[in-house]
Amino acid sequence: LWIFGYGSLVWRPGFEFTSSKVGFIRGYSRRFWQGDTFHRGSEKTPGRVVTLLEDRGACTWGVAYEVRGEQIAASLQYLNMREAVLGGYDTKVVKFHPQEKDGEEPIPALVYIATPQNPSYLGPASEEDIAAQIIVSSGCAGHNIEYLLRLADFMRYFCPQAEDKHLFSIEEALISILPCLYYAEESLEQT
Protein backbone atom coordinates (compact mmCIF):
# COMPACT_ATOMS: atom_id res chain seq x y z
CA LEU A 1 0.00 0.00 0.00
CA TRP A 2 1.23 3.49 -0.84
CA ILE A 3 0.09 6.54 1.16
CA PHE A 4 0.47 10.03 -0.31
CA GLY A 5 1.23 12.95 2.01
CA TYR A 6 1.07 16.58 0.95
CA GLY A 7 1.05 18.40 4.31
CA SER A 8 2.85 17.53 7.55
CA LEU A 9 3.23 13.92 6.37
CA VAL A 10 6.05 15.09 4.05
CA TRP A 11 8.34 15.71 7.05
CA ARG A 12 6.64 13.80 9.90
CA PRO A 13 4.80 10.69 8.72
CA GLY A 14 4.59 9.25 12.24
CA PHE A 15 4.39 5.62 11.08
CA GLU A 16 6.86 2.97 9.93
CA PHE A 17 7.26 2.52 6.20
CA THR A 18 9.39 0.45 3.83
CA SER A 19 10.29 3.13 1.29
CA SER A 20 9.30 6.64 0.23
CA LYS A 21 9.31 8.63 -3.01
CA VAL A 22 8.88 12.31 -3.79
CA GLY A 23 6.41 12.97 -6.59
CA PHE A 24 3.01 14.38 -7.45
CA ILE A 25 -0.65 13.67 -8.08
CA ARG A 26 -2.66 15.34 -10.84
CA GLY A 27 -6.08 16.97 -10.65
CA TYR A 28 -5.67 18.63 -7.24
CA SER A 29 -4.41 21.91 -5.77
CA ARG A 30 -3.08 22.21 -2.22
CA ARG A 31 -4.97 24.84 -0.17
CA PHE A 32 -4.75 26.11 3.43
CA TRP A 33 -8.52 25.80 3.76
CA GLN A 34 -8.78 23.23 6.56
CA GLY A 35 -9.14 24.33 10.18
CA ASP A 36 -7.19 22.54 12.90
CA THR A 37 -8.19 22.74 16.56
CA PHE A 38 -5.84 19.99 17.76
CA HIS A 39 -2.46 19.62 16.01
CA ARG A 40 -1.77 23.23 14.94
CA GLY A 41 -4.49 25.22 16.69
CA SER A 42 -7.09 25.22 19.45
CA GLU A 43 -10.85 25.66 19.77
CA LYS A 44 -10.26 29.35 20.53
CA THR A 45 -7.74 29.94 17.72
CA PRO A 46 -7.96 27.25 15.03
CA GLY A 47 -4.88 26.81 12.90
CA ARG A 48 -4.89 26.44 9.14
CA VAL A 49 -3.55 23.30 7.50
CA VAL A 50 -3.74 22.04 3.95
CA THR A 51 -6.29 19.98 2.12
CA LEU A 52 -6.73 19.24 -1.57
CA LEU A 53 -9.15 20.93 -3.92
CA GLU A 54 -10.16 19.22 -7.16
CA ASP A 55 -8.52 21.22 -9.94
CA ARG A 56 -8.23 19.52 -13.33
CA GLY A 57 -5.12 21.25 -14.63
CA ALA A 58 -3.15 21.26 -11.37
CA CYS A 59 -0.75 18.91 -9.64
CA THR A 60 0.28 18.65 -6.01
CA TRP A 61 3.73 17.55 -4.92
CA GLY A 62 4.41 15.49 -1.83
CA VAL A 63 5.77 12.16 -0.60
CA ALA A 64 4.35 8.66 -1.08
CA TYR A 65 5.19 6.08 1.58
CA GLU A 66 5.15 2.36 0.90
CA VAL A 67 3.87 0.27 3.80
CA ARG A 68 4.01 -3.54 3.82
CA GLY A 69 2.84 -6.40 6.01
CA GLU A 70 2.18 -5.35 9.60
CA GLN A 71 3.02 -1.75 8.71
CA ILE A 72 -0.25 -1.48 6.76
CA ALA A 73 -2.64 -1.98 9.69
CA ALA A 74 -0.48 0.08 12.06
CA SER A 75 -0.15 3.02 9.64
CA LEU A 76 -3.85 3.04 8.75
CA GLN A 77 -4.86 2.93 12.42
CA TYR A 78 -2.49 5.82 13.18
CA LEU A 79 -3.57 7.89 10.15
CA ASN A 80 -7.27 7.27 10.69
CA MET A 81 -6.88 8.81 14.16
CA ARG A 82 -4.54 11.61 13.07
CA GLU A 83 -6.29 12.56 9.84
CA ALA A 84 -9.83 11.20 9.86
CA VAL A 85 -10.96 11.39 13.51
CA LEU A 86 -8.99 14.46 14.66
CA GLY A 87 -8.68 16.17 11.27
CA GLY A 88 -11.96 15.28 9.57
CA TYR A 89 -10.42 13.99 6.35
CA ASP A 90 -11.89 11.45 3.91
CA THR A 91 -9.81 8.96 1.94
CA LYS A 92 -9.42 8.54 -1.82
CA VAL A 93 -7.15 6.53 -4.08
CA VAL A 94 -5.14 8.65 -6.54
CA LYS A 95 -2.42 8.03 -9.13
CA PHE A 96 0.99 9.01 -7.73
CA HIS A 97 3.73 9.95 -10.22
CA PRO A 98 7.25 9.49 -8.77
CA GLN A 99 9.77 12.28 -9.39
CA GLU A 100 12.40 9.71 -10.36
CA LYS A 101 10.77 8.13 -13.40
CA ASP A 102 12.76 4.86 -13.69
CA GLY A 103 10.20 3.81 -16.33
CA GLU A 104 7.59 3.41 -13.60
CA GLU A 105 3.88 3.62 -14.19
CA PRO A 106 1.88 5.82 -11.80
CA ILE A 107 1.33 4.12 -8.44
CA PRO A 108 -2.13 3.93 -6.82
CA ALA A 109 -1.88 5.72 -3.45
CA LEU A 110 -4.24 6.44 -0.58
CA VAL A 111 -4.70 10.15 0.23
CA TYR A 112 -6.63 11.98 2.95
CA ILE A 113 -8.69 14.99 1.79
CA ALA A 114 -10.89 17.36 3.82
CA THR A 115 -14.09 18.38 2.07
CA PRO A 116 -16.33 21.45 2.50
CA GLN A 117 -18.77 19.20 4.41
CA ASN A 118 -16.16 18.79 7.15
CA PRO A 119 -17.12 20.80 10.30
CA SER A 120 -13.53 22.16 10.57
CA TYR A 121 -13.40 23.23 6.91
CA LEU A 122 -12.64 26.97 6.74
CA GLY A 123 -12.60 27.48 2.99
CA PRO A 124 -10.93 30.26 1.02
CA ALA A 125 -9.50 33.48 2.43
CA SER A 126 -6.87 35.94 1.26
CA GLU A 127 -3.22 34.96 1.69
CA GLU A 128 -2.85 37.81 4.21
CA ASP A 129 -5.81 36.59 6.31
CA ILE A 130 -4.54 33.00 6.23
CA ALA A 131 -1.05 34.17 7.29
CA ALA A 132 -2.51 36.26 10.13
CA GLN A 133 -4.46 33.23 11.38
CA ILE A 134 -1.38 31.01 11.15
CA ILE A 135 0.70 33.48 13.19
CA VAL A 136 -1.62 33.29 16.23
CA SER A 137 -2.30 29.53 16.16
CA SER A 138 -0.57 26.73 18.01
CA GLY A 139 -1.58 23.18 18.96
CA CYS A 140 -0.21 19.99 20.50
CA ALA A 141 2.07 19.32 17.46
CA GLY A 142 3.57 22.81 17.57
CA HIS A 143 3.06 26.29 16.17
CA ASN A 144 1.16 26.75 12.93
CA ILE A 145 4.06 28.87 11.61
CA GLU A 146 6.32 25.79 11.76
CA TYR A 147 3.80 23.84 9.65
CA LEU A 148 3.77 26.51 6.93
CA LEU A 149 7.54 27.02 6.86
CA ARG A 150 8.37 23.29 6.83
CA LEU A 151 5.97 22.73 3.95
CA ALA A 152 7.49 25.64 2.01
CA ASP A 153 11.00 24.30 2.71
CA PHE A 154 10.00 20.84 1.49
CA MET A 155 8.76 22.31 -1.79
CA ARG A 156 11.83 24.51 -2.18
CA TYR A 157 14.38 21.73 -1.54
CA PHE A 158 12.73 18.56 -2.86
CA CYS A 159 10.57 19.93 -5.71
CA PRO A 160 12.34 23.11 -6.89
CA GLN A 161 10.85 22.77 -10.38
CA ALA A 162 7.26 22.74 -9.04
CA GLU A 163 5.08 25.79 -8.53
CA ASP A 164 2.83 26.27 -5.53
CA LYS A 165 1.77 29.90 -5.74
CA HIS A 166 -0.78 29.58 -2.92
CA LEU A 167 1.78 28.17 -0.46
CA PHE A 168 4.55 30.66 -1.29
CA SER A 169 2.15 33.64 -1.28
CA ILE A 170 1.08 32.75 2.26
CA GLU A 171 4.72 32.33 3.32
CA GLU A 172 5.49 35.75 1.83
CA ALA A 173 2.50 37.33 3.62
CA LEU A 174 3.57 35.75 6.91
CA ILE A 175 7.15 37.03 6.57
CA SER A 176 5.88 40.55 5.81
CA ILE A 177 3.70 40.50 8.98
CA LEU A 178 6.31 39.06 11.37
CA PRO A 179 8.56 42.16 11.63
CA CYS A 180 5.50 44.22 12.55
CA LEU A 181 4.71 41.80 15.38
CA TYR A 182 8.31 41.86 16.58
CA TYR A 183 8.39 45.67 16.79
CA ALA A 184 4.92 45.81 18.37
CA GLU A 185 6.00 43.37 21.11
CA GLU A 186 9.26 45.29 21.62
CA SER A 187 7.43 48.61 22.08
CA LEU A 188 4.95 46.99 24.51
CA GLU A 189 7.86 45.66 26.58
CA GLN A 190 9.39 49.14 26.80
CA THR A 191 6.18 50.72 28.21
C-alpha atoms as a PDB file:
ATOM      1  CA  LEU A   1       0.000   0.000   0.000  1.00  0.00           C
ATOM      2  CA  TRP A   2       1.229   3.489  -0.844  1.00  0.00           C
ATOM      3  CA  ILE A   3       0.094   6.539   1.163  1.00  0.00           C
ATOM      4  CA  PHE A   4       0.466  10.033  -0.305  1.00  0.00           C
ATOM      5  CA  GLY A   5       1.232  12.945   2.005  1.00  0.00           C
ATOM      6  CA  TYR A   6       1.067  16.585   0.947  1.00  0.00           C
ATOM      7  CA  GLY A   7       1.050  18.403   4.312  1.00  0.00           C
ATOM      8  CA  SER A   8       2.854  17.525   7.548  1.00  0.00           C
ATOM      9  CA  LEU A   9       3.233  13.920   6.369  1.00  0.00           C
ATOM     10  CA  VAL A  10       6.046  15.087   4.053  1.00  0.00           C
ATOM     11  CA  TRP A  11       8.340  15.706   7.053  1.00  0.00           C
ATOM     12  CA  ARG A  12       6.636  13.795   9.900  1.00  0.00           C
ATOM     13  CA  PRO A  13       4.799  10.694   8.724  1.00  0.00           C
ATOM     14  CA  GLY A  14       4.592   9.253  12.245  1.00  0.00           C
ATOM     15  CA  PHE A  15       4.392   5.624  11.076  1.00  0.00           C
ATOM     16  CA  GLU A  16       6.857   2.966   9.933  1.00  0.00           C
ATOM     17  CA  PHE A  17       7.258   2.523   6.197  1.00  0.00           C
ATOM     18  CA  THR A  18       9.390   0.446   3.831  1.00  0.00           C
ATOM     19  CA  SER A  19      10.295   3.133   1.295  1.00  0.00           C
ATOM     20  CA  SER A  20       9.304   6.638   0.226  1.00  0.00           C
ATOM     21  CA  LYS A  21       9.309   8.626  -3.014  1.00  0.00           C
ATOM     22  CA  VAL A  22       8.878  12.307  -3.791  1.00  0.00           C
ATOM     23  CA  GLY A  23       6.409  12.966  -6.588  1.00  0.00           C
ATOM     24  CA  PHE A  24       3.012  14.384  -7.448  1.00  0.00           C
ATOM     25  CA  ILE A  25      -0.647  13.673  -8.079  1.00  0.00           C
ATOM     26  CA  ARG A  26      -2.664  15.344 -10.844  1.00  0.00           C
ATOM     27  CA  GLY A  27      -6.081  16.966 -10.647  1.00  0.00           C
ATOM     28  CA  TYR A  28      -5.669  18.627  -7.237  1.00  0.00           C
ATOM     29  CA  SER A  29      -4.408  21.914  -5.775  1.00  0.00           C
ATOM     30  CA  ARG A  30      -3.085  22.212  -2.217  1.00  0.00           C
ATOM     31  CA  ARG A  31      -4.968  24.841  -0.169  1.00  0.00           C
ATOM     32  CA  PHE A  32      -4.754  26.108   3.433  1.00  0.00           C
ATOM     33  CA  TRP A  33      -8.516  25.803   3.758  1.00  0.00           C
ATOM     34  CA  GLN A  34      -8.783  23.226   6.555  1.00  0.00           C
ATOM     35  CA  GLY A  35      -9.142  24.330  10.175  1.00  0.00           C
ATOM     36  CA  ASP A  36      -7.194  22.539  12.896  1.00  0.00           C
ATOM     37  CA  THR A  37      -8.187  22.744  16.556  1.00  0.00           C
ATOM     38  CA  PHE A  38      -5.844  19.990  17.763  1.00  0.00           C
ATOM     39  CA  HIS A  39      -2.455  19.619  16.014  1.00  0.00           C
ATOM     40  CA  ARG A  40      -1.772  23.234  14.942  1.00  0.00           C
ATOM     41  CA  GLY A  41      -4.488  25.219  16.687  1.00  0.00           C
ATOM     42  CA  SER A  42      -7.090  25.220  19.450  1.00  0.00           C
ATOM     43  CA  GLU A  43     -10.854  25.657  19.768  1.00  0.00           C
ATOM     44  CA  LYS A  44     -10.257  29.348  20.530  1.00  0.00           C
ATOM     45  CA  THR A  45      -7.742  29.943  17.721  1.00  0.00           C
ATOM     46  CA  PRO A  46      -7.958  27.253  15.033  1.00  0.00           C
ATOM     47  CA  GLY A  47      -4.880  26.812  12.901  1.00  0.00           C
ATOM     48  CA  ARG A  48      -4.891  26.440   9.140  1.00  0.00           C
ATOM     49  CA  VAL A  49      -3.548  23.297   7.504  1.00  0.00           C
ATOM     50  CA  VAL A  50      -3.736  22.038   3.947  1.00  0.00           C
ATOM     51  CA  THR A  51      -6.289  19.981   2.118  1.00  0.00           C
ATOM     52  CA  LEU A  52      -6.733  19.244  -1.569  1.00  0.00           C
ATOM     53  CA  LEU A  53      -9.148  20.928  -3.925  1.00  0.00           C
ATOM     54  CA  GLU A  54     -10.157  19.218  -7.161  1.00  0.00           C
ATOM     55  CA  ASP A  55      -8.521  21.222  -9.942  1.00  0.00           C
ATOM     56  CA  ARG A  56      -8.233  19.525 -13.333  1.00  0.00           C
ATOM     57  CA  GLY A  57      -5.121  21.247 -14.628  1.00  0.00           C
ATOM     58  CA  ALA A  58      -3.145  21.257 -11.370  1.00  0.00           C
ATOM     59  CA  CYS A  59      -0.748  18.913  -9.644  1.00  0.00           C
ATOM     60  CA  THR A  60       0.278  18.649  -6.009  1.00  0.00           C
ATOM     61  CA  TRP A  61       3.734  17.546  -4.917  1.00  0.00           C
ATOM     62  CA  GLY A  62       4.412  15.486  -1.825  1.00  0.00           C
ATOM     63  CA  VAL A  63       5.770  12.164  -0.602  1.00  0.00           C
ATOM     64  CA  ALA A  64       4.350   8.665  -1.078  1.00  0.00           C
ATOM     65  CA  TYR A  65       5.191   6.079   1.582  1.00  0.00           C
ATOM     66  CA  GLU A  66       5.153   2.355   0.902  1.00  0.00           C
ATOM     67  CA  VAL A  67       3.867   0.267   3.799  1.00  0.00           C
ATOM     68  CA  ARG A  68       4.006  -3.535   3.822  1.00  0.00           C
ATOM     69  CA  GLY A  69       2.841  -6.400   6.014  1.00  0.00           C
ATOM     70  CA  GLU A  70       2.179  -5.351   9.602  1.00  0.00           C
ATOM     71  CA  GLN A  71       3.016  -1.754   8.712  1.00  0.00           C
ATOM     72  CA  ILE A  72      -0.252  -1.475   6.758  1.00  0.00           C
ATOM     73  CA  ALA A  73      -2.642  -1.978   9.691  1.00  0.00           C
ATOM     74  CA  ALA A  74      -0.483   0.077  12.058  1.00  0.00           C
ATOM     75  CA  SER A  75      -0.146   3.017   9.643  1.00  0.00           C
ATOM     76  CA  LEU A  76      -3.849   3.041   8.751  1.00  0.00           C
ATOM     77  CA  GLN A  77      -4.856   2.932  12.419  1.00  0.00           C
ATOM     78  CA  TYR A  78      -2.494   5.817  13.178  1.00  0.00           C
ATOM     79  CA  LEU A  79      -3.565   7.891  10.154  1.00  0.00           C
ATOM     80  CA  ASN A  80      -7.267   7.270  10.690  1.00  0.00           C
ATOM     81  CA  MET A  81      -6.878   8.805  14.160  1.00  0.00           C
ATOM     82  CA  ARG A  82      -4.537  11.609  13.066  1.00  0.00           C
ATOM     83  CA  GLU A  83      -6.288  12.562   9.839  1.00  0.00           C
ATOM     84  CA  ALA A  84      -9.832  11.203   9.861  1.00  0.00           C
ATOM     85  CA  VAL A  85     -10.959  11.390  13.511  1.00  0.00           C
ATOM     86  CA  LEU A  86      -8.987  14.455  14.657  1.00  0.00           C
ATOM     87  CA  GLY A  87      -8.685  16.170  11.275  1.00  0.00           C
ATOM     88  CA  GLY A  88     -11.961  15.277   9.575  1.00  0.00           C
ATOM     89  CA  TYR A  89     -10.415  13.995   6.346  1.00  0.00           C
ATOM     90  CA  ASP A  90     -11.893  11.446   3.913  1.00  0.00           C
ATOM     91  CA  THR A  91      -9.813   8.963   1.936  1.00  0.00           C
ATOM     92  CA  LYS A  92      -9.424   8.538  -1.815  1.00  0.00           C
ATOM     93  CA  VAL A  93      -7.151   6.527  -4.076  1.00  0.00           C
ATOM     94  CA  VAL A  94      -5.136   8.645  -6.539  1.00  0.00           C
ATOM     95  CA  LYS A  95      -2.417   8.030  -9.129  1.00  0.00           C
ATOM     96  CA  PHE A  96       0.993   9.007  -7.733  1.00  0.00           C
ATOM     97  CA  HIS A  97       3.730   9.952 -10.219  1.00  0.00           C
ATOM     98  CA  PRO A  98       7.251   9.494  -8.770  1.00  0.00           C
ATOM     99  CA  GLN A  99       9.773  12.284  -9.390  1.00  0.00           C
ATOM    100  CA  GLU A 100      12.402   9.705 -10.360  1.00  0.00           C
ATOM    101  CA  LYS A 101      10.769   8.130 -13.399  1.00  0.00           C
ATOM    102  CA  ASP A 102      12.755   4.860 -13.695  1.00  0.00           C
ATOM    103  CA  GLY A 103      10.203   3.807 -16.330  1.00  0.00           C
ATOM    104  CA  GLU A 104       7.586   3.409 -13.600  1.00  0.00           C
ATOM    105  CA  GLU A 105       3.875   3.624 -14.191  1.00  0.00           C
ATOM    106  CA  PRO A 106       1.880   5.822 -11.799  1.00  0.00           C
ATOM    107  CA  ILE A 107       1.334   4.117  -8.443  1.00  0.00           C
ATOM    108  CA  PRO A 108      -2.128   3.932  -6.816  1.00  0.00           C
ATOM    109  CA  ALA A 109      -1.876   5.716  -3.454  1.00  0.00           C
ATOM    110  CA  LEU A 110      -4.238   6.437  -0.579  1.00  0.00           C
ATOM    111  CA  VAL A 111      -4.696  10.146   0.231  1.00  0.00           C
ATOM    112  CA  TYR A 112      -6.630  11.985   2.954  1.00  0.00           C
ATOM    113  CA  ILE A 113      -8.693  14.989   1.792  1.00  0.00           C
ATOM    114  CA  ALA A 114     -10.894  17.358   3.825  1.00  0.00           C
ATOM    115  CA  THR A 115     -14.095  18.380   2.073  1.00  0.00           C
ATOM    116  CA  PRO A 116     -16.333  21.453   2.499  1.00  0.00           C
ATOM    117  CA  GLN A 117     -18.770  19.202   4.410  1.00  0.00           C
ATOM    118  CA  ASN A 118     -16.156  18.790   7.150  1.00  0.00           C
ATOM    119  CA  PRO A 119     -17.117  20.796  10.296  1.00  0.00           C
ATOM    120  CA  SER A 120     -13.533  22.157  10.567  1.00  0.00           C
ATOM    121  CA  TYR A 121     -13.396  23.227   6.913  1.00  0.00           C
ATOM    122  CA  LEU A 122     -12.644  26.974   6.740  1.00  0.00           C
ATOM    123  CA  GLY A 123     -12.595  27.480   2.987  1.00  0.00           C
ATOM    124  CA  PRO A 124     -10.934  30.262   1.018  1.00  0.00           C
ATOM    125  CA  ALA A 125      -9.497  33.477   2.431  1.00  0.00           C
ATOM    126  CA  SER A 126      -6.869  35.944   1.262  1.00  0.00           C
ATOM    127  CA  GLU A 127      -3.221  34.959   1.686  1.00  0.00           C
ATOM    128  CA  GLU A 128      -2.853  37.812   4.214  1.00  0.00           C
ATOM    129  CA  ASP A 129      -5.813  36.586   6.308  1.00  0.00           C
ATOM    130  CA  ILE A 130      -4.536  33.003   6.230  1.00  0.00           C
ATOM    131  CA  ALA A 131      -1.046  34.170   7.287  1.00  0.00           C
ATOM    132  CA  ALA A 132      -2.513  36.264  10.128  1.00  0.00           C
ATOM    133  CA  GLN A 133      -4.464  33.233  11.379  1.00  0.00           C
ATOM    134  CA  ILE A 134      -1.378  31.005  11.155  1.00  0.00           C
ATOM    135  CA  ILE A 135       0.698  33.480  13.191  1.00  0.00           C
ATOM    136  CA  VAL A 136      -1.617  33.294  16.229  1.00  0.00           C
ATOM    137  CA  SER A 137      -2.303  29.530  16.158  1.00  0.00           C
ATOM    138  CA  SER A 138      -0.567  26.726  18.006  1.00  0.00           C
ATOM    139  CA  GLY A 139      -1.575  23.178  18.964  1.00  0.00           C
ATOM    140  CA  CYS A 140      -0.206  19.987  20.502  1.00  0.00           C
ATOM    141  CA  ALA A 141       2.066  19.317  17.460  1.00  0.00           C
ATOM    142  CA  GLY A 142       3.566  22.815  17.571  1.00  0.00           C
ATOM    143  CA  HIS A 143       3.061  26.289  16.173  1.00  0.00           C
ATOM    144  CA  ASN A 144       1.159  26.750  12.931  1.00  0.00           C
ATOM    145  CA  ILE A 145       4.064  28.867  11.606  1.00  0.00           C
ATOM    146  CA  GLU A 146       6.318  25.790  11.757  1.00  0.00           C
ATOM    147  CA  TYR A 147       3.797  23.837   9.651  1.00  0.00           C
ATOM    148  CA  LEU A 148       3.765  26.513   6.930  1.00  0.00           C
ATOM    149  CA  LEU A 149       7.543  27.016   6.857  1.00  0.00           C
ATOM    150  CA  ARG A 150       8.371  23.292   6.831  1.00  0.00           C
ATOM    151  CA  LEU A 151       5.970  22.727   3.950  1.00  0.00           C
ATOM    152  CA  ALA A 152       7.490  25.641   2.011  1.00  0.00           C
ATOM    153  CA  ASP A 153      11.000  24.298   2.713  1.00  0.00           C
ATOM    154  CA  PHE A 154      10.003  20.838   1.494  1.00  0.00           C
ATOM    155  CA  MET A 155       8.760  22.305  -1.794  1.00  0.00           C
ATOM    156  CA  ARG A 156      11.831  24.510  -2.176  1.00  0.00           C
ATOM    157  CA  TYR A 157      14.383  21.732  -1.536  1.00  0.00           C
ATOM    158  CA  PHE A 158      12.734  18.563  -2.865  1.00  0.00           C
ATOM    159  CA  CYS A 159      10.574  19.926  -5.709  1.00  0.00           C
ATOM    160  CA  PRO A 160      12.342  23.111  -6.891  1.00  0.00           C
ATOM    161  CA  GLN A 161      10.845  22.766 -10.379  1.00  0.00           C
ATOM    162  CA  ALA A 162       7.263  22.743  -9.044  1.00  0.00           C
ATOM    163  CA  GLU A 163       5.084  25.790  -8.525  1.00  0.00           C
ATOM    164  CA  ASP A 164       2.828  26.274  -5.528  1.00  0.00           C
ATOM    165  CA  LYS A 165       1.773  29.904  -5.738  1.00  0.00           C
ATOM    166  CA  HIS A 166      -0.776  29.580  -2.922  1.00  0.00           C
ATOM    167  CA  LEU A 167       1.777  28.171  -0.463  1.00  0.00           C
ATOM    168  CA  PHE A 168       4.550  30.656  -1.286  1.00  0.00           C
ATOM    169  CA  SER A 169       2.152  33.642  -1.285  1.00  0.00           C
ATOM    170  CA  ILE A 170       1.079  32.750   2.264  1.00  0.00           C
ATOM    171  CA  GLU A 171       4.715  32.327   3.316  1.00  0.00           C
ATOM    172  CA  GLU A 172       5.493  35.753   1.829  1.00  0.00           C
ATOM    173  CA  ALA A 173       2.505  37.332   3.615  1.00  0.00           C
ATOM    174  CA  LEU A 174       3.571  35.754   6.907  1.00  0.00           C
ATOM    175  CA  ILE A 175       7.147  37.032   6.568  1.00  0.00           C
ATOM    176  CA  SER A 176       5.880  40.550   5.808  1.00  0.00           C
ATOM    177  CA  ILE A 177       3.699  40.505   8.977  1.00  0.00           C
ATOM    178  CA  LEU A 178       6.308  39.058  11.366  1.00  0.00           C
ATOM    179  CA  PRO A 179       8.563  42.160  11.626  1.00  0.00           C
ATOM    180  CA  CYS A 180       5.496  44.220  12.549  1.00  0.00           C
ATOM    181  CA  LEU A 181       4.710  41.801  15.384  1.00  0.00           C
ATOM    182  CA  TYR A 182       8.315  41.855  16.577  1.00  0.00           C
ATOM    183  CA  TYR A 183       8.394  45.665  16.785  1.00  0.00           C
ATOM    184  CA  ALA A 184       4.915  45.809  18.368  1.00  0.00           C
ATOM    185  CA  GLU A 185       6.003  43.369  21.108  1.00  0.00           C
ATOM    186  CA  GLU A 186       9.259  45.286  21.617  1.00  0.00           C
ATOM    187  CA  SER A 187       7.431  48.610  22.080  1.00  0.00           C
ATOM    188  CA  LEU A 188       4.954  46.989  24.505  1.00  0.00           C
ATOM    189  CA  GLU A 189       7.861  45.659  26.582  1.00  0.00           C
ATOM    190  CA  GLN A 190       9.389  49.142  26.797  1.00  0.00           C
ATOM    191  CA  THR A 191       6.182  50.719  28.205  1.00  0.00           C
END
